[in-house]
Amino acid sequence: MNFRDVFNLNYIYIIAMIKENKVLKYDVLIIGAGPAGCACALELRNAGLKVALVDKASFPRDKVCGDAIPGRAIKTLKQIDPGFEIAFKNFHKKYETKKTTLYYKKKAITFNWVRTAYTCTRMEFDNFLLGLVRENTSTDIYTNTLPYNFIKTDDGFSVIIKNSATIFNTKILIGADGAQSAIAKQLTNKKLDRDHHVGSVRAYFSNVSGIEDTTEIYFDREFLPSYLWVFPLPGNIVNVGFGMLSGEIAKRRINIKKAFYDFIDNTPELKLKFKNAKQLSDLEGFGLPLGSKVNRLSGANFMLTGDAASLIDPISGDGIGNAMLSGKLAAEQTVSCFKQADFTAVFMKKYDQSLLQIIGEELNTHYRAQRILSKMPLLLDILFLACKNQTLNKIVRKKL
């Protein structure tokens, strides 16, 4: 069966569905109401376009994550509207962190941050962002709505909803549907690449001692360049997680949940801090598609953002900042498409170029550092020694 046959079958299928179902038409359809999708909707608030934001979950909902809110996320909120940054700073369900301590071989380095950083559970942060969309835009929001088929049409996409009589028609489709993006799989044939993907686990604990306003990172030579994190949250709760390259997990047949608990038991500083700790949640797994490999980000009438576009930093594991940036840039490209009446793959490439111009070199540099560290762990010893020098400490602090 050739492409024309497939297209004709899809067209016949859509006509049949339209006769039986309710069709909702939008200029822009954003799939996924996480940081990328909400940033996109917020940036489009004054564009004069009919926008819908669709998510499979009902909010508030949990999202397994490290819960660190990076500076780029707050900067992007401010760029969209300074009032949104102020709203987040007034949001009480977050925790202000002022420094990060790295641990390795019973040595510690502390970085005092120039800019204020935060932690906030994804349940609260994503719900906060969706609240901004509700309060500040005319976006139609559909939660508990699962799109599962994305059919290319002459003037955009028809999106079929599971267990629903509703079809969405849209001129531009924004994929913000996360690491397991159905849009990326269907439209770009995206597949798991274990060398550019991290398998992680995370749980919440209470009564972990000595954390205060500090995020903590622990290294172990056996797992480099991976690490275990301990991030404080409001209410004497911490987010504790561990991740490794999926390729290493498979090659070494590592049970990552067992490795998580072994890491704590075999690290003196952690064992002491967790002496009276209580685990509050199950140890849950999640995947991190790294931005260490250039993936297809767009095509005719569609763009991918956030984890759907594989934009997670290979060193820090941060995905929220790049997700929100990509959502904002996708919105800007959307406005350009409507102004120029051009929705072709060639014109949509301007989104790819804008995004990679900002974060491309950063992702490449961090990927190279990740690979070097995995092959030459002695460099971590040198880094710890060098960062005792206050001048070098300041340089590293600005780069991280």
Protein backbone atom coordinates (compact mmCIF):
# COMPACT_ATOMS: atom_id res chain seq x y z
CA MET A 1 0.00 0.00 0.00
CA ASN A 2 1.52 3.35 -1.04
CA PHE A 3 1.22 6.77 0.61
CA ARG A 4 -1.69 7.85 -1.63
CA ASP A 5 -3.68 4.75 -0.69
CA VAL A 6 -3.09 5.45 3.01
CA PHE A 7 -4.11 9.10 2.58
CA ASN A 8 -7.31 8.13 0.74
CA LEU A 9 -8.23 5.59 3.42
CA ASN A 10 -7.67 8.21 6.14
CA TYR A 11 -9.81 10.69 4.22
CA ILE A 12 -12.65 8.17 3.87
CA TYR A 13 -12.32 7.33 7.57
CA ILE A 14 -12.55 10.99 8.58
CA ILE A 15 -15.65 11.59 6.40
CA ALA A 16 -17.34 8.58 7.98
CA MET A 17 -16.44 9.76 11.48
CA ILE A 18 -17.64 13.32 10.82
CA LYS A 19 -21.08 12.04 9.85
CA GLU A 20 -21.45 10.31 13.19
CA ASN A 21 -19.50 12.51 15.61
CA LYS A 22 -19.22 16.04 16.96
CA VAL A 23 -16.48 18.08 15.27
CA LEU A 24 -14.73 20.93 17.12
CA LYS A 25 -12.65 23.28 14.99
CA TYR A 26 -9.65 25.20 16.29
CA ASP A 27 -6.80 27.23 14.86
CA VAL A 28 -4.39 25.66 17.36
CA LEU A 29 -4.71 22.41 19.27
CA ILE A 30 -2.18 21.86 22.08
CA ILE A 31 -1.93 18.28 23.31
CA GLY A 32 -0.59 18.17 26.87
CA ALA A 33 -1.21 20.65 29.69
CA GLY A 34 2.21 20.40 31.35
CA PRO A 35 4.80 23.21 31.37
CA ALA A 36 5.33 23.20 27.57
CA GLY A 37 1.64 23.16 26.70
CA CYS A 38 0.69 25.81 29.26
CA ALA A 39 3.58 28.09 28.22
CA CYS A 40 2.38 27.81 24.62
CA ALA A 41 -1.22 28.65 25.56
CA LEU A 42 -0.11 31.61 27.69
CA GLU A 43 2.05 33.03 24.89
CA LEU A 44 -0.91 32.73 22.47
CA ARG A 45 -3.29 34.61 24.79
CA ASN A 46 -3.32 37.79 22.66
CA ALA A 47 -2.84 36.19 19.24
CA GLY A 48 -6.51 36.34 18.24
CA LEU A 49 -6.55 32.61 17.51
CA LYS A 50 -8.99 29.97 18.64
CA VAL A 51 -6.94 27.70 20.90
CA ALA A 52 -7.70 24.45 22.71
CA LEU A 53 -5.56 22.72 25.34
CA VAL A 54 -6.17 18.99 25.76
CA ASP A 55 -4.82 16.65 28.44
CA LYS A 56 -5.52 12.99 29.20
CA ALA A 57 -5.54 13.58 32.98
CA SER A 58 -7.78 15.43 35.38
CA PHE A 59 -6.01 18.21 37.31
CA PRO A 60 -4.41 18.42 39.76
CA ARG A 61 -2.47 15.31 38.78
CA ASP A 62 0.91 13.93 39.77
CA LYS A 63 3.86 13.82 37.37
CA VAL A 64 6.87 11.75 38.38
CA CYS A 65 9.78 14.20 38.31
CA GLY A 66 12.59 15.70 40.36
CA ASP A 67 10.41 18.74 41.19
CA ALA A 68 13.22 21.28 40.70
CA ILE A 69 12.01 24.47 39.01
CA PRO A 70 15.02 25.93 37.13
CA GLY A 71 15.78 29.55 36.41
CA ARG A 72 14.91 29.18 32.72
CA ALA A 73 11.32 28.26 33.64
CA ILE A 74 10.88 31.40 35.74
CA LYS A 75 12.65 33.52 33.11
CA THR A 76 10.27 32.22 30.44
CA LEU A 77 7.25 33.03 32.61
CA LYS A 78 8.57 36.57 33.01
CA GLN A 79 9.16 36.92 29.25
CA ILE A 80 5.58 35.85 28.54
CA ASP A 81 4.27 38.29 31.16
CA PRO A 82 6.09 39.79 34.17
CA GLY A 83 2.88 39.33 36.13
CA PHE A 84 3.17 35.55 35.77
CA GLU A 85 6.58 35.58 37.42
CA ILE A 86 5.17 37.64 40.27
CA ALA A 87 2.26 35.22 40.61
CA PHE A 88 4.69 32.31 40.98
CA LYS A 89 6.81 34.15 43.53
CA ASN A 90 3.62 34.72 45.54
CA PHE A 91 2.62 31.07 45.15
CA HIS A 92 2.99 29.53 48.60
CA LYS A 93 3.20 25.84 47.61
CA LYS A 94 6.86 26.02 46.65
CA TYR A 95 10.20 25.90 48.48
CA GLU A 96 13.02 28.39 48.02
CA THR A 97 16.48 26.87 47.65
CA LYS A 98 19.62 28.98 47.92
CA LYS A 99 22.43 26.50 47.38
CA THR A 100 23.39 23.09 46.05
CA THR A 101 25.85 20.67 47.63
CA LEU A 102 27.60 17.97 45.61
CA TYR A 103 28.95 14.87 47.40
CA TYR A 104 31.59 12.45 46.11
CA LYS A 105 33.99 10.15 47.97
CA LYS A 106 33.18 11.75 51.33
CA LYS A 107 33.97 15.20 49.90
CA ALA A 108 31.47 18.02 49.49
CA ILE A 109 31.29 21.21 47.43
CA THR A 110 28.60 23.83 48.04
CA PHE A 111 27.46 26.37 45.47
CA ASN A 112 25.54 29.40 46.73
CA TRP A 113 23.28 30.48 43.89
CA VAL A 114 23.18 34.05 42.60
CA ARG A 115 19.55 33.68 41.50
CA THR A 116 16.85 32.21 43.69
CA ALA A 117 15.85 28.68 42.74
CA TYR A 118 12.77 26.72 43.75
CA THR A 119 11.35 23.27 44.22
CA CYS A 120 7.67 22.52 43.83
CA THR A 121 5.86 19.26 43.26
CA ARG A 122 4.74 18.82 39.70
CA MET A 123 1.21 18.30 40.94
CA GLU A 124 1.23 21.84 42.34
CA PHE A 125 3.40 23.51 39.68
CA ASP A 126 1.51 22.15 36.68
CA ASN A 127 -1.81 22.97 38.33
CA PHE A 128 -0.52 26.50 38.98
CA LEU A 129 0.37 26.92 35.29
CA LEU A 130 -2.99 25.57 34.15
CA GLY A 131 -4.61 28.04 36.55
CA LEU A 132 -2.78 30.87 34.78
CA VAL A 133 -4.14 29.62 31.46
CA ARG A 134 -7.68 29.50 32.84
CA GLU A 135 -7.46 32.97 34.39
CA ASN A 136 -5.59 34.84 31.66
CA THR A 137 -6.57 33.32 28.31
CA SER A 138 -9.65 32.36 26.32
CA THR A 139 -8.22 28.87 25.73
CA ASP A 140 -10.76 26.05 25.74
CA ILE A 141 -9.44 23.43 28.19
CA TYR A 142 -10.32 19.75 27.89
CA THR A 143 -9.01 17.48 30.66
CA ASN A 144 -9.61 13.76 31.08
CA THR A 145 -9.49 13.67 27.27
CA LEU A 146 -7.16 11.22 25.51
CA PRO A 147 -6.24 11.86 21.86
CA TYR A 148 -4.96 8.69 20.23
CA ASN A 149 -5.02 9.18 16.46
CA PHE A 150 -3.65 12.17 14.54
CA ILE A 151 -4.71 12.19 10.91
CA LYS A 152 -3.14 14.60 8.42
CA THR A 153 -5.64 16.45 6.26
CA ASP A 154 -5.28 18.98 3.45
CA ASP A 155 -5.47 21.92 5.86
CA GLY A 156 -4.13 20.54 9.16
CA PHE A 157 -5.05 17.60 11.36
CA SER A 158 -8.06 15.69 12.55
CA VAL A 159 -7.57 14.34 16.07
CA ILE A 160 -9.58 11.36 17.26
CA ILE A 161 -10.39 11.08 20.97
CA LYS A 162 -10.53 7.72 22.70
CA ASN A 163 -13.97 6.65 23.94
CA SER A 164 -15.53 9.88 22.70
CA ALA A 165 -17.81 11.03 19.91
CA THR A 166 -15.71 14.18 19.52
CA ILE A 167 -13.22 14.95 16.75
CA PHE A 168 -10.91 17.98 16.86
CA ASN A 169 -9.93 19.68 13.61
CA THR A 170 -6.99 22.05 13.78
CA LYS A 171 -4.75 24.07 11.52
CA ILE A 172 -1.72 23.66 13.81
CA LEU A 173 -1.08 20.77 16.16
CA ILE A 174 1.30 21.29 19.10
CA GLY A 175 2.72 18.11 20.64
CA ALA A 176 3.34 18.73 24.33
CA ASP A 177 2.31 15.24 25.39
CA GLY A 178 5.46 14.18 27.21
CA ALA A 179 8.13 11.52 27.00
CA GLN A 180 5.74 8.91 25.60
CA SER A 181 4.34 11.35 23.05
CA ALA A 182 1.80 9.72 20.75
CA ILE A 183 2.21 12.64 18.35
CA ALA A 184 5.99 12.15 18.08
CA LYS A 185 5.57 8.41 17.55
CA GLN A 186 2.91 8.78 14.87
CA LEU A 187 4.19 11.82 12.99
CA THR A 188 7.98 11.43 13.28
CA ASN A 189 8.29 7.68 13.90
CA LYS A 190 10.17 8.45 17.11
CA LYS A 191 11.65 5.41 18.84
CA LEU A 192 13.43 4.87 22.14
CA ASP A 193 17.20 5.34 21.86
CA ARG A 194 18.70 3.92 25.04
CA ASP A 195 21.96 5.84 24.57
CA HIS A 196 20.01 9.11 24.75
CA HIS A 197 17.47 8.19 27.38
CA VAL A 198 17.60 7.94 31.17
CA GLY A 199 15.64 5.50 33.29
CA SER A 200 14.85 7.03 36.68
CA VAL A 201 13.02 6.32 39.92
CA ARG A 202 11.65 8.70 42.53
CA ALA A 203 9.98 8.62 45.95
CA TYR A 204 8.97 11.14 48.62
CA PHE A 205 10.36 10.94 52.17
CA SER A 206 9.82 12.86 55.40
CA ASN A 207 12.18 13.44 58.34
CA VAL A 208 15.36 13.45 56.28
CA SER A 209 17.83 15.40 58.43
CA GLY A 210 20.12 18.29 57.52
CA ILE A 211 18.56 19.39 54.22
CA GLU A 212 17.10 22.87 54.96
CA ASP A 213 17.37 25.19 51.92
CA THR A 214 19.86 23.03 50.02
CA THR A 215 19.42 20.74 47.03
CA GLU A 216 21.84 17.83 47.22
CA ILE A 217 23.49 15.70 44.54
CA TYR A 218 25.37 12.47 45.32
CA PHE A 219 27.83 10.76 42.96
CA ASP A 220 29.13 7.21 43.12
CA ARG A 221 32.00 6.02 40.92
CA GLU A 222 30.07 2.86 40.02
CA PHE A 223 27.24 4.84 38.44
CA LEU A 224 28.97 7.87 36.87
CA PRO A 225 27.87 10.12 35.25
CA SER A 226 24.56 9.35 36.98
CA TYR A 227 23.67 10.62 40.44
CA LEU A 228 21.14 10.48 43.25
CA TRP A 229 19.31 13.67 44.17
CA VAL A 230 17.68 14.89 47.37
CA PHE A 231 15.51 17.98 46.85
CA PRO A 232 13.64 19.66 49.75
CA LEU A 233 9.96 20.52 49.48
CA PRO A 234 7.49 22.31 51.77
CA GLY A 235 6.38 20.47 54.89
CA ASN A 236 9.63 18.69 55.78
CA ILE A 237 9.31 16.48 52.68
CA VAL A 238 12.06 15.64 50.20
CA ASN A 239 12.01 14.35 46.64
CA VAL A 240 14.64 11.61 46.31
CA GLY A 241 15.51 10.11 42.96
CA PHE A 242 18.13 8.24 40.98
CA GLY A 243 18.63 7.79 37.25
CA MET A 244 20.98 6.08 34.78
CA LEU A 245 21.34 5.92 31.02
CA SER A 246 18.91 3.28 29.82
CA GLY A 247 21.65 1.72 27.70
CA GLU A 248 23.78 1.15 30.81
CA ILE A 249 20.82 -0.24 32.74
CA ALA A 250 20.19 -2.78 29.99
CA LYS A 251 23.85 -3.62 29.37
CA ARG A 252 24.69 -4.10 33.04
CA ARG A 253 21.28 -5.60 33.88
CA ILE A 254 20.84 -3.19 36.75
CA ASN A 255 17.76 -3.31 38.93
CA ILE A 256 17.40 0.44 39.30
CA LYS A 257 15.01 0.24 42.26
CA LYS A 258 17.47 -1.93 44.16
CA ALA A 259 20.32 0.40 43.12
CA PHE A 260 18.36 3.34 44.58
CA TYR A 261 18.18 1.81 48.07
CA ASP A 262 21.74 0.43 47.85
CA PHE A 263 22.99 3.92 46.98
CA ILE A 264 21.46 5.32 50.17
CA ASP A 265 22.69 2.43 52.33
CA ASN A 266 26.23 2.54 50.94
CA THR A 267 26.72 6.32 51.14
CA PRO A 268 27.68 7.37 54.70
CA GLU A 269 26.22 10.88 54.43
CA LEU A 270 22.92 9.56 53.07
CA LYS A 271 22.66 6.70 55.53
CA LEU A 272 22.97 9.16 58.41
CA LYS A 273 20.44 11.60 56.96
CA PHE A 274 17.92 8.83 56.26
CA LYS A 275 18.30 7.18 59.68
CA ASN A 276 14.87 8.38 60.88
CA ALA A 277 13.32 9.00 57.47
CA LYS A 278 9.92 7.68 56.48
CA GLN A 279 9.08 6.83 52.88
CA LEU A 280 5.77 8.48 51.96
CA SER A 281 5.20 7.17 48.45
CA ASP A 282 5.98 4.22 46.26
CA LEU A 283 9.27 4.25 44.35
CA GLU A 284 8.00 5.11 40.87
CA GLY A 285 9.85 4.88 37.58
CA PHE A 286 9.91 7.37 34.71
CA GLY A 287 11.88 8.00 31.54
CA LEU A 288 13.88 11.07 30.50
CA PRO A 289 14.39 11.55 26.74
CA LEU A 290 17.64 13.52 26.57
CA GLY A 291 18.36 16.41 24.24
CA SER A 292 21.73 14.87 23.35
CA LYS A 293 20.49 13.73 19.95
CA VAL A 294 18.94 15.98 17.33
CA ASN A 295 15.39 14.81 16.70
CA ARG A 296 12.77 16.00 14.27
CA LEU A 297 10.93 18.86 15.97
CA SER A 298 8.33 19.86 13.40
CA GLY A 299 6.63 19.20 10.09
CA ALA A 300 3.75 20.51 8.02
CA ASN A 301 1.14 21.88 10.45
CA PHE A 302 2.78 20.54 13.62
CA MET A 303 5.51 21.16 16.21
CA LEU A 304 6.86 19.12 19.12
CA THR A 305 7.72 20.71 22.46
CA GLY A 306 9.14 19.67 25.83
CA ASP A 307 9.75 16.00 26.50
CA ALA A 308 7.89 15.11 23.30
CA ALA A 309 10.77 16.84 21.50
CA SER A 310 13.46 15.21 23.73
CA LEU A 311 14.89 18.41 25.24
CA ILE A 312 16.07 17.24 28.67
CA ASP A 313 19.53 18.44 29.69
CA PRO A 314 22.02 15.50 29.59
CA ILE A 315 23.88 16.67 32.71
CA SER A 316 21.33 18.25 35.04
CA GLY A 317 18.31 16.24 33.96
CA ASP A 318 16.28 19.45 33.80
CA GLY A 319 13.38 19.34 31.38
CA ILE A 320 10.98 21.98 32.71
CA GLY A 321 12.99 25.04 31.65
CA ASN A 322 13.55 23.82 28.09
CA ALA A 323 9.94 22.65 27.89
CA MET A 324 8.56 26.08 28.73
CA LEU A 325 11.00 27.78 26.37
CA SER A 326 9.98 25.45 23.54
CA GLY A 327 6.29 26.08 24.26
CA LYS A 328 6.81 29.83 24.05
CA LEU A 329 8.78 29.55 20.80
CA ALA A 330 6.18 27.21 19.29
CA ALA A 331 3.54 29.85 20.03
CA GLU A 332 5.66 32.53 18.33
CA GLN A 333 6.07 30.31 15.28
CA THR A 334 2.33 29.65 15.26
CA VAL A 335 1.63 33.37 15.05
CA SER A 336 4.11 33.68 12.16
CA CYS A 337 2.43 30.80 10.33
CA PHE A 338 -0.96 32.49 10.47
CA LYS A 339 0.46 35.89 9.48
CA GLN A 340 2.22 34.40 6.47
CA ALA A 341 -0.51 31.82 5.76
CA ASP A 342 2.30 29.29 5.52
CA PHE A 343 2.05 25.99 7.38
CA THR A 344 4.55 24.01 5.34
CA ALA A 345 7.31 21.88 6.83
CA VAL A 346 9.90 24.24 5.37
CA PHE A 347 8.43 27.31 7.07
CA MET A 348 7.86 25.39 10.30
CA LYS A 349 11.61 24.67 10.42
CA LYS A 350 12.07 28.21 11.70
CA TYR A 351 10.84 26.89 15.05
CA ASP A 352 13.58 24.24 15.10
CA GLN A 353 16.18 26.85 14.25
CA SER A 354 15.00 29.32 16.91
CA LEU A 355 14.99 26.67 19.63
CA LEU A 356 18.35 25.12 18.76
CA GLN A 357 19.95 28.54 18.44
CA ILE A 358 19.21 29.08 22.13
CA ILE A 359 19.80 25.64 23.63
CA GLY A 360 21.52 23.58 20.92
CA GLU A 361 25.13 24.29 21.88
CA GLU A 362 24.30 23.99 25.57
CA LEU A 363 22.82 20.52 25.04
CA ASN A 364 25.77 19.44 22.89
CA THR A 365 28.31 20.68 25.43
CA HIS A 366 26.55 18.97 28.31
CA TYR A 367 26.30 15.73 26.34
CA ARG A 368 30.04 15.80 25.62
CA ALA A 369 30.70 16.43 29.32
CA GLN A 370 28.44 13.50 30.21
CA ARG A 371 30.29 11.13 27.87
CA ILE A 372 33.75 12.30 29.00
CA LEU A 373 32.82 11.89 32.65
CA SER A 374 31.55 8.36 32.06
CA LYS A 375 34.86 7.40 30.44
CA MET A 376 37.16 9.44 32.69
CA PRO A 377 35.71 9.50 36.24
CA LEU A 378 39.00 10.95 37.52
CA LEU A 379 37.79 14.27 36.14
CA LEU A 380 35.21 14.42 38.91
CA ASP A 381 38.00 14.20 41.49
CA ILE A 382 39.74 17.08 39.70
CA LEU A 383 36.52 19.11 39.63
CA PHE A 384 36.02 18.67 43.38
CA LEU A 385 39.59 19.74 44.03
CA ALA A 386 39.42 22.71 41.66
CA CYS A 387 36.11 24.01 43.04
CA LYS A 388 37.67 24.50 46.46
CA ASN A 389 39.14 27.57 44.77
CA GLN A 390 36.55 30.33 45.18
CA THR A 391 37.18 31.85 41.73
CA LEU A 392 36.62 28.53 39.98
CA ASN A 393 33.63 27.88 42.21
CA LYS A 394 32.01 31.10 40.94
CA ILE A 395 32.73 30.18 37.30
CA VAL A 396 31.16 26.72 37.66
CA ARG A 397 28.20 28.19 39.57
CA LYS A 398 27.41 30.49 36.62
CA LYS A 399 27.64 27.63 34.12
CA LEU A 400 25.42 25.16 35.98
